[in-house]
Amino acid sequence: MAVYKKLTKIQTEIKAPKNLYNSFGKYHYRNAESICEAVKPFLAKEDCSLVIADDVVQIGDRFYIKATVTLTDNKDGDSVSVSALARESVDKKGMDSSQVTGATSSYARKYALNGLFLLDDTKDADSDEYKVQSDNANEKQKKQSEKSAKVQKETPEEAKLNEEMRNSVDSVYLPTKDNKPSKEQMDKLHSEMERTGVAESVLTQMYQVKSIEQMDSAMVVSALNKFKVTGDKQ
C-alpha cells in the first residue's frame, strides 16, 4: 500500500533532535510534542494525516494509558498504526489526578511515535556527538575494568577495612545485595521528591522506567545522591 511507502520516506528522512534539557539529570531529551513538530512538514509533503488517540486499559488491578498513533494516506484512506502503553502511578508527589493521567499519556504517546517513525537514541557514526558518546563509553568501561582489577588485588586486611568503611555509610545510600530498593530507600526517595519538588516524571524519564516503583536499588541510590546537591523547592 502507498501509505507504507510514504511511512518509509518519513522514517528515513525525519530529524527529531533532543531539543529539551533536564537540568536535574543533566541530559537532553525529546517529547511527544517535539516529534509531532518534526513530522508536520512531512504530512503536508506526503499528503498524509496523523491522529493520536488515548484509551484507558485495565490490566489486573492497575490502569494503563494506551496511546495509538495512526498515519493515514489522504488519497486512498489506507493507514498504519502503532500503540504503546504507560501505567498510571498510584501516587505522584506534587501532582493531582489529572496531571498524573496527562503525564502518563505524554509518555505513552512519545513511545508510540518513536515506534511508528523509528526514532531511537543512536547517533550518526560520523558526528562529533557519536565520537563523544563512544569515547565516554570506552572511558567508563576502562574505569570499571580498573576498579574490578583493584578489588581483585585487595589483601585480606584491605578487604576488611573497605567493608568497615562501607558499613559506616548510611545504608540508604548503598545498593542492596539483591538490588531491590529497601523500604527506607523508597521512603527517602519520596521524602527528597517532596523536599525538592522534583516530579516523578523527571525520574522515570531519567532512568527509563514507567514508574519509580520499577527503579532498582542502584537507580534509587543514584537519584538520592543527585538530591544531595538539589536545593529545596521554592
C-alpha atoms as a PDB file:
ATOM      1  CA  MET A   1       0.000   0.000   0.000  1.00  0.00           C
ATOM      2  CA  ALA A   2       1.099   3.548  -0.734  1.00  0.00           C
ATOM      3  CA  VAL A   3       0.867   4.519   2.929  1.00  0.00           C
ATOM      4  CA  TYR A   4       3.810   2.236   3.738  1.00  0.00           C
ATOM      5  CA  LYS A   5       5.942   3.853   1.030  1.00  0.00           C
ATOM      6  CA  LYS A   6       5.137   7.243   2.490  1.00  0.00           C
ATOM      7  CA  LEU A   7       5.879   5.998   6.002  1.00  0.00           C
ATOM      8  CA  THR A   8       9.235   4.626   4.843  1.00  0.00           C
ATOM      9  CA  LYS A   9      10.117   8.003   3.371  1.00  0.00           C
ATOM     10  CA  ILE A  10       9.229   9.770   6.608  1.00  0.00           C
ATOM     11  CA  GLN A  11      11.153   7.227   8.698  1.00  0.00           C
ATOM     12  CA  THR A  12      14.318   7.660   6.640  1.00  0.00           C
ATOM     13  CA  GLU A  13      14.204  11.462   6.431  1.00  0.00           C
ATOM     14  CA  ILE A  14      12.712  12.712   9.692  1.00  0.00           C
ATOM     15  CA  LYS A  15      15.004  14.507  12.136  1.00  0.00           C
ATOM     16  CA  ALA A  16      13.718  14.873  15.677  1.00  0.00           C
ATOM     17  CA  PRO A  17      16.648  16.127  17.774  1.00  0.00           C
ATOM     18  CA  LYS A  18      16.599  16.061  21.550  1.00  0.00           C
ATOM     19  CA  ASN A  19      15.937  19.774  21.925  1.00  0.00           C
ATOM     20  CA  LEU A  20      14.863  19.759  25.578  1.00  0.00           C
ATOM     21  CA  TYR A  21      17.161  19.727  28.595  1.00  0.00           C
ATOM     22  CA  ASN A  22      16.618  18.197  32.023  1.00  0.00           C
ATOM     23  CA  SER A  23      18.657  20.249  34.492  1.00  0.00           C
ATOM     24  CA  PHE A  24      18.154  17.718  37.310  1.00  0.00           C
ATOM     25  CA  GLY A  25      19.505  14.733  35.402  1.00  0.00           C
ATOM     26  CA  LYS A  26      21.695  16.878  33.111  1.00  0.00           C
ATOM     27  CA  TYR A  27      20.618  15.226  29.853  1.00  0.00           C
ATOM     28  CA  HIS A  28      18.842  16.186  26.643  1.00  0.00           C
ATOM     29  CA  TYR A  29      15.615  14.558  25.558  1.00  0.00           C
ATOM     30  CA  ARG A  30      12.678  14.864  23.182  1.00  0.00           C
ATOM     31  CA  ASN A  31       8.970  14.663  23.980  1.00  0.00           C
ATOM     32  CA  ALA A  32       5.829  13.834  22.001  1.00  0.00           C
ATOM     33  CA  GLU A  33       5.324  17.470  21.032  1.00  0.00           C
ATOM     34  CA  SER A  34       8.869  17.657  19.617  1.00  0.00           C
ATOM     35  CA  ILE A  35       8.241  14.609  17.430  1.00  0.00           C
ATOM     36  CA  CYS A  36       4.896  15.957  16.188  1.00  0.00           C
ATOM     37  CA  GLU A  37       6.558  19.251  15.266  1.00  0.00           C
ATOM     38  CA  ALA A  38       9.238  17.394  13.295  1.00  0.00           C
ATOM     39  CA  VAL A  39       6.715  15.276  11.368  1.00  0.00           C
ATOM     40  CA  LYS A  40       4.354  18.118  10.349  1.00  0.00           C
ATOM     41  CA  PRO A  41       6.289  19.132   7.198  1.00  0.00           C
ATOM     42  CA  PHE A  42       6.205  15.509   6.001  1.00  0.00           C
ATOM     43  CA  LEU A  43       2.434  15.317   6.458  1.00  0.00           C
ATOM     44  CA  ALA A  44       1.929  18.196   4.063  1.00  0.00           C
ATOM     45  CA  LYS A  45       4.551  16.914   1.625  1.00  0.00           C
ATOM     46  CA  GLU A  46       3.240  13.331   1.531  1.00  0.00           C
ATOM     47  CA  ASP A  47      -0.451  14.290   1.799  1.00  0.00           C
ATOM     48  CA  CYS A  48      -0.968  12.282   4.992  1.00  0.00           C
ATOM     49  CA  SER A  49      -2.674  12.928   8.307  1.00  0.00           C
ATOM     50  CA  LEU A  50      -1.614  11.897  11.795  1.00  0.00           C
ATOM     51  CA  VAL A  51      -4.057  11.151  14.591  1.00  0.00           C
ATOM     52  CA  ILE A  52      -3.207  10.285  18.204  1.00  0.00           C
ATOM     53  CA  ALA A  53      -5.830   8.712  20.455  1.00  0.00           C
ATOM     54  CA  ASP A  54      -5.749   7.572  24.076  1.00  0.00           C
ATOM     55  CA  ASP A  55      -7.644   4.732  25.748  1.00  0.00           C
ATOM     56  CA  VAL A  56      -7.701   3.642  29.382  1.00  0.00           C
ATOM     57  CA  VAL A  57      -6.910  -0.061  29.747  1.00  0.00           C
ATOM     58  CA  GLN A  58      -7.175  -2.076  32.954  1.00  0.00           C
ATOM     59  CA  ILE A  59      -4.749  -4.960  33.384  1.00  0.00           C
ATOM     60  CA  GLY A  60      -5.175  -6.760  36.679  1.00  0.00           C
ATOM     61  CA  ASP A  61      -5.697  -4.093  39.322  1.00  0.00           C
ATOM     62  CA  ARG A  62      -3.675  -1.415  37.504  1.00  0.00           C
ATOM     63  CA  PHE A  63      -4.727   1.139  34.914  1.00  0.00           C
ATOM     64  CA  TYR A  64      -2.722   1.939  31.788  1.00  0.00           C
ATOM     65  CA  ILE A  65      -2.993   4.658  29.172  1.00  0.00           C
ATOM     66  CA  LYS A  66      -2.866   3.132  25.695  1.00  0.00           C
ATOM     67  CA  ALA A  67      -1.774   5.673  23.092  1.00  0.00           C
ATOM     68  CA  THR A  68      -2.352   4.820  19.446  1.00  0.00           C
ATOM     69  CA  VAL A  69      -0.718   6.812  16.641  1.00  0.00           C
ATOM     70  CA  THR A  70      -2.267   6.410  13.181  1.00  0.00           C
ATOM     71  CA  LEU A  71      -0.765   7.651   9.916  1.00  0.00           C
ATOM     72  CA  THR A  72      -3.345   7.837   7.098  1.00  0.00           C
ATOM     73  CA  ASP A  73      -2.820   8.332   3.366  1.00  0.00           C
ATOM     74  CA  ASN A  74      -5.313  11.069   2.483  1.00  0.00           C
ATOM     75  CA  LYS A  75      -5.568   9.851  -1.130  1.00  0.00           C
ATOM     76  CA  ASP A  76      -6.759   6.277  -0.614  1.00  0.00           C
ATOM     77  CA  GLY A  77      -7.576   6.191   3.104  1.00  0.00           C
ATOM     78  CA  ASP A  78      -5.117   3.402   3.932  1.00  0.00           C
ATOM     79  CA  SER A  79      -3.482   3.717   7.333  1.00  0.00           C
ATOM     80  CA  VAL A  80      -0.877   2.198   9.648  1.00  0.00           C
ATOM     81  CA  SER A  81      -0.943   2.361  13.452  1.00  0.00           C
ATOM     82  CA  VAL A  82       1.373   1.781  16.410  1.00  0.00           C
ATOM     83  CA  SER A  83       0.336   1.652  20.076  1.00  0.00           C
ATOM     84  CA  ALA A  84       2.213   1.981  23.356  1.00  0.00           C
ATOM     85  CA  LEU A  85       1.192   1.512  26.992  1.00  0.00           C
ATOM     86  CA  ALA A  86       2.174   3.509  30.066  1.00  0.00           C
ATOM     87  CA  ARG A  87       0.971   2.687  33.570  1.00  0.00           C
ATOM     88  CA  GLU A  88      -0.530   5.342  35.809  1.00  0.00           C
ATOM     89  CA  SER A  89       1.357   5.614  39.067  1.00  0.00           C
ATOM     90  CA  VAL A  90      -0.599   5.056  42.264  1.00  0.00           C
ATOM     91  CA  ASP A  91       0.880   8.243  43.671  1.00  0.00           C
ATOM     92  CA  LYS A  92       2.951  11.029  42.150  1.00  0.00           C
ATOM     93  CA  LYS A  93       4.236  13.614  44.553  1.00  0.00           C
ATOM     94  CA  GLY A  94       3.185  17.160  43.671  1.00  0.00           C
ATOM     95  CA  MET A  95       0.609  16.109  41.047  1.00  0.00           C
ATOM     96  CA  ASP A  96      -3.168  15.930  41.139  1.00  0.00           C
ATOM     97  CA  SER A  97      -5.006  13.075  39.391  1.00  0.00           C
ATOM     98  CA  SER A  98      -5.441  14.943  36.101  1.00  0.00           C
ATOM     99  CA  GLN A  99      -1.725  15.737  35.940  1.00  0.00           C
ATOM    100  CA  VAL A 100      -0.870  12.086  36.614  1.00  0.00           C
ATOM    101  CA  THR A 101      -3.017  10.987  33.679  1.00  0.00           C
ATOM    102  CA  GLY A 102      -1.638  13.739  31.462  1.00  0.00           C
ATOM    103  CA  ALA A 103       1.980  12.812  32.222  1.00  0.00           C
ATOM    104  CA  THR A 104       1.229   9.135  31.593  1.00  0.00           C
ATOM    105  CA  SER A 105      -0.486   9.975  28.296  1.00  0.00           C
ATOM    106  CA  SER A 106       2.512  12.029  27.151  1.00  0.00           C
ATOM    107  CA  TYR A 107       4.850   9.150  27.987  1.00  0.00           C
ATOM    108  CA  ALA A 108       2.747   6.618  26.067  1.00  0.00           C
ATOM    109  CA  ARG A 109       2.347   8.948  23.078  1.00  0.00           C
ATOM    110  CA  LYS A 110       6.077   9.560  22.881  1.00  0.00           C
ATOM    111  CA  TYR A 111       6.890   5.871  22.648  1.00  0.00           C
ATOM    112  CA  ALA A 112       4.092   5.178  20.161  1.00  0.00           C
ATOM    113  CA  LEU A 113       5.518   7.956  17.963  1.00  0.00           C
ATOM    114  CA  ASN A 114       9.032   6.544  18.451  1.00  0.00           C
ATOM    115  CA  GLY A 115       7.793   3.150  17.269  1.00  0.00           C
ATOM    116  CA  LEU A 116       5.967   4.477  14.237  1.00  0.00           C
ATOM    117  CA  PHE A 117       8.791   6.708  12.984  1.00  0.00           C
ATOM    118  CA  LEU A 118      11.716   4.502  14.152  1.00  0.00           C
ATOM    119  CA  LEU A 119      13.219   7.106  16.454  1.00  0.00           C
ATOM    120  CA  ASP A 120      15.890   5.929  18.864  1.00  0.00           C
ATOM    121  CA  ASP A 121      18.897   7.198  20.811  1.00  0.00           C
ATOM    122  CA  THR A 122      21.649   6.185  18.403  1.00  0.00           C
ATOM    123  CA  LYS A 123      23.968   8.794  16.897  1.00  0.00           C
ATOM    124  CA  ASP A 124      25.300   9.162  13.383  1.00  0.00           C
ATOM    125  CA  ALA A 125      28.676   7.425  13.146  1.00  0.00           C
ATOM    126  CA  ASP A 126      30.357  10.446  11.539  1.00  0.00           C
ATOM    127  CA  SER A 127      29.059  13.018  14.032  1.00  0.00           C
ATOM    128  CA  ASP A 128      31.016  14.667  16.845  1.00  0.00           C
ATOM    129  CA  GLU A 129      28.258  13.624  19.246  1.00  0.00           C
ATOM    130  CA  TYR A 130      28.774   9.978  18.318  1.00  0.00           C
ATOM    131  CA  LYS A 131      32.524  10.298  18.921  1.00  0.00           C
ATOM    132  CA  VAL A 132      31.975  11.895  22.328  1.00  0.00           C
ATOM    133  CA  GLN A 133      29.424   9.222  23.233  1.00  0.00           C
ATOM    134  CA  SER A 134      31.785   6.436  22.153  1.00  0.00           C
ATOM    135  CA  ASP A 135      34.762   7.963  23.961  1.00  0.00           C
ATOM    136  CA  ASN A 136      32.727   8.328  27.138  1.00  0.00           C
ATOM    137  CA  ALA A 137      31.548   4.715  26.912  1.00  0.00           C
ATOM    138  CA  ASN A 138      35.109   3.476  26.394  1.00  0.00           C
ATOM    139  CA  GLU A 139      36.395   5.569  29.290  1.00  0.00           C
ATOM    140  CA  LYS A 140      33.621   4.278  31.545  1.00  0.00           C
ATOM    141  CA  GLN A 141      34.427   0.687  30.599  1.00  0.00           C
ATOM    142  CA  LYS A 142      38.130   1.311  31.253  1.00  0.00           C
ATOM    143  CA  LYS A 143      37.429   2.713  34.724  1.00  0.00           C
ATOM    144  CA  GLN A 144      35.159  -0.220  35.558  1.00  0.00           C
ATOM    145  CA  SER A 145      37.884  -2.654  34.498  1.00  0.00           C
ATOM    146  CA  GLU A 146      40.480  -0.829  36.595  1.00  0.00           C
ATOM    147  CA  LYS A 147      38.102  -0.840  39.560  1.00  0.00           C
ATOM    148  CA  SER A 148      37.490  -4.574  39.196  1.00  0.00           C
ATOM    149  CA  ALA A 149      41.229  -5.250  38.959  1.00  0.00           C
ATOM    150  CA  LYS A 150      41.842  -3.188  42.090  1.00  0.00           C
ATOM    151  CA  VAL A 151      39.203  -5.112  44.031  1.00  0.00           C
ATOM    152  CA  GLN A 152      40.744  -8.412  42.956  1.00  0.00           C
ATOM    153  CA  LYS A 153      44.140  -7.307  44.299  1.00  0.00           C
ATOM    154  CA  GLU A 154      42.831  -6.400  47.781  1.00  0.00           C
ATOM    155  CA  THR A 155      44.639  -8.038  50.663  1.00  0.00           C
ATOM    156  CA  PRO A 156      42.518  -9.566  53.463  1.00  0.00           C
ATOM    157  CA  GLU A 157      43.352  -6.549  55.628  1.00  0.00           C
ATOM    158  CA  GLU A 158      42.296  -4.109  52.882  1.00  0.00           C
ATOM    159  CA  ALA A 159      39.100  -6.034  52.246  1.00  0.00           C
ATOM    160  CA  LYS A 160      38.225  -5.881  55.954  1.00  0.00           C
ATOM    161  CA  LEU A 161      38.936  -2.149  56.100  1.00  0.00           C
ATOM    162  CA  ASN A 162      36.849  -1.479  52.993  1.00  0.00           C
ATOM    163  CA  GLU A 163      33.979  -3.498  54.439  1.00  0.00           C
ATOM    164  CA  GLU A 164      34.150  -1.470  57.664  1.00  0.00           C
ATOM    165  CA  MET A 165      34.073   1.749  55.636  1.00  0.00           C
ATOM    166  CA  ARG A 166      31.053   0.573  53.679  1.00  0.00           C
ATOM    167  CA  ASN A 167      29.282  -0.347  56.904  1.00  0.00           C
ATOM    168  CA  SER A 168      29.921   3.133  58.258  1.00  0.00           C
ATOM    169  CA  VAL A 169      27.972   4.706  55.379  1.00  0.00           C
ATOM    170  CA  ASP A 170      24.228   5.238  55.758  1.00  0.00           C
ATOM    171  CA  SER A 171      22.746   2.094  54.204  1.00  0.00           C
ATOM    172  CA  VAL A 172      20.119   4.137  52.389  1.00  0.00           C
ATOM    173  CA  TYR A 173      22.916   5.312  50.075  1.00  0.00           C
ATOM    174  CA  LEU A 174      24.163   1.795  49.301  1.00  0.00           C
ATOM    175  CA  PRO A 175      22.564  -0.601  46.769  1.00  0.00           C
ATOM    176  CA  THR A 176      21.051  -3.668  48.382  1.00  0.00           C
ATOM    177  CA  LYS A 177      22.526  -7.110  47.702  1.00  0.00           C
ATOM    178  CA  ASP A 178      19.514  -8.227  45.645  1.00  0.00           C
ATOM    179  CA  ASN A 179      19.275  -4.760  44.014  1.00  0.00           C
ATOM    180  CA  LYS A 180      15.694  -4.353  45.215  1.00  0.00           C
ATOM    181  CA  PRO A 181      15.087  -0.985  46.899  1.00  0.00           C
ATOM    182  CA  SER A 182      14.556  -1.204  50.643  1.00  0.00           C
ATOM    183  CA  LYS A 183      11.596   0.470  52.315  1.00  0.00           C
ATOM    184  CA  GLU A 184      13.987   3.017  53.828  1.00  0.00           C
ATOM    185  CA  GLN A 185      15.361   3.873  50.375  1.00  0.00           C
ATOM    186  CA  MET A 186      11.883   4.357  48.856  1.00  0.00           C
ATOM    187  CA  ASP A 187      10.763   6.429  51.867  1.00  0.00           C
ATOM    188  CA  LYS A 188      13.875   8.575  51.491  1.00  0.00           C
ATOM    189  CA  LEU A 189      13.241   8.956  47.745  1.00  0.00           C
ATOM    190  CA  HIS A 190       9.668  10.145  48.319  1.00  0.00           C
ATOM    191  CA  SER A 191      10.876  12.489  51.052  1.00  0.00           C
ATOM    192  CA  GLU A 192      13.503  14.031  48.765  1.00  0.00           C
ATOM    193  CA  MET A 193      10.993  14.425  45.916  1.00  0.00           C
ATOM    194  CA  GLU A 194       8.694  16.252  48.316  1.00  0.00           C
ATOM    195  CA  ARG A 195      11.538  18.449  49.617  1.00  0.00           C
ATOM    196  CA  THR A 196      12.846  19.472  46.193  1.00  0.00           C
ATOM    197  CA  GLY A 197       9.595  19.478  44.230  1.00  0.00           C
ATOM    198  CA  VAL A 198      11.064  17.130  41.604  1.00  0.00           C
ATOM    199  CA  ALA A 199       8.189  15.285  39.863  1.00  0.00           C
ATOM    200  CA  GLU A 200       8.185  11.532  39.374  1.00  0.00           C
ATOM    201  CA  SER A 201       8.118  12.044  35.600  1.00  0.00           C
ATOM    202  CA  VAL A 202      11.634  13.529  35.842  1.00  0.00           C
ATOM    203  CA  LEU A 203      12.957  10.340  37.447  1.00  0.00           C
ATOM    204  CA  THR A 204      11.084   7.977  35.120  1.00  0.00           C
ATOM    205  CA  GLN A 205      12.461   9.875  32.117  1.00  0.00           C
ATOM    206  CA  MET A 206      15.989   9.829  33.544  1.00  0.00           C
ATOM    207  CA  TYR A 207      16.059   6.127  34.385  1.00  0.00           C
ATOM    208  CA  GLN A 208      13.803   4.974  31.517  1.00  0.00           C
ATOM    209  CA  VAL A 209      11.168   3.302  33.697  1.00  0.00           C
ATOM    210  CA  LYS A 210       7.408   3.688  33.706  1.00  0.00           C
ATOM    211  CA  SER A 211       7.174   4.458  37.444  1.00  0.00           C
ATOM    212  CA  ILE A 212       9.578   4.875  40.337  1.00  0.00           C
ATOM    213  CA  GLU A 213       8.352   1.543  41.683  1.00  0.00           C
ATOM    214  CA  GLN A 214      10.253  -0.070  38.776  1.00  0.00           C
ATOM    215  CA  MET A 215      13.559   1.546  39.795  1.00  0.00           C
ATOM    216  CA  ASP A 216      16.114  -0.874  41.187  1.00  0.00           C
ATOM    217  CA  SER A 217      18.225  -0.138  44.239  1.00  0.00           C
ATOM    218  CA  ALA A 218      21.167   1.202  42.228  1.00  0.00           C
ATOM    219  CA  MET A 219      18.878   3.655  40.438  1.00  0.00           C
ATOM    220  CA  VAL A 220      17.362   4.835  43.714  1.00  0.00           C
ATOM    221  CA  VAL A 221      20.826   5.356  45.225  1.00  0.00           C
ATOM    222  CA  SER A 222      21.876   7.301  42.120  1.00  0.00           C
ATOM    223  CA  ALA A 223      18.815   9.548  42.441  1.00  0.00           C
ATOM    224  CA  LEU A 224      19.361  10.079  46.168  1.00  0.00           C
ATOM    225  CA  ASN A 225      22.930  11.192  45.526  1.00  0.00           C
ATOM    226  CA  LYS A 226      21.657  13.705  42.961  1.00  0.00           C
ATOM    227  CA  PHE A 227      19.155  15.002  45.507  1.00  0.00           C
ATOM    228  CA  LYS A 228      22.055  15.733  47.881  1.00  0.00           C
ATOM    229  CA  VAL A 229      23.033  18.684  45.678  1.00  0.00           C
ATOM    230  CA  THR A 230      19.465  19.754  44.825  1.00  0.00           C
ATOM    231  CA  GLY A 231      18.023  22.646  46.766  1.00  0.00           C
ATOM    232  CA  ASP A 232      14.611  22.861  48.408  1.00  0.00           C
ATOM    233  CA  LYS A 233      11.637  23.746  46.251  1.00  0.00           C
ATOM    234  CA  GLN A 234      10.759  27.425  46.234  1.00  0.00           C
END
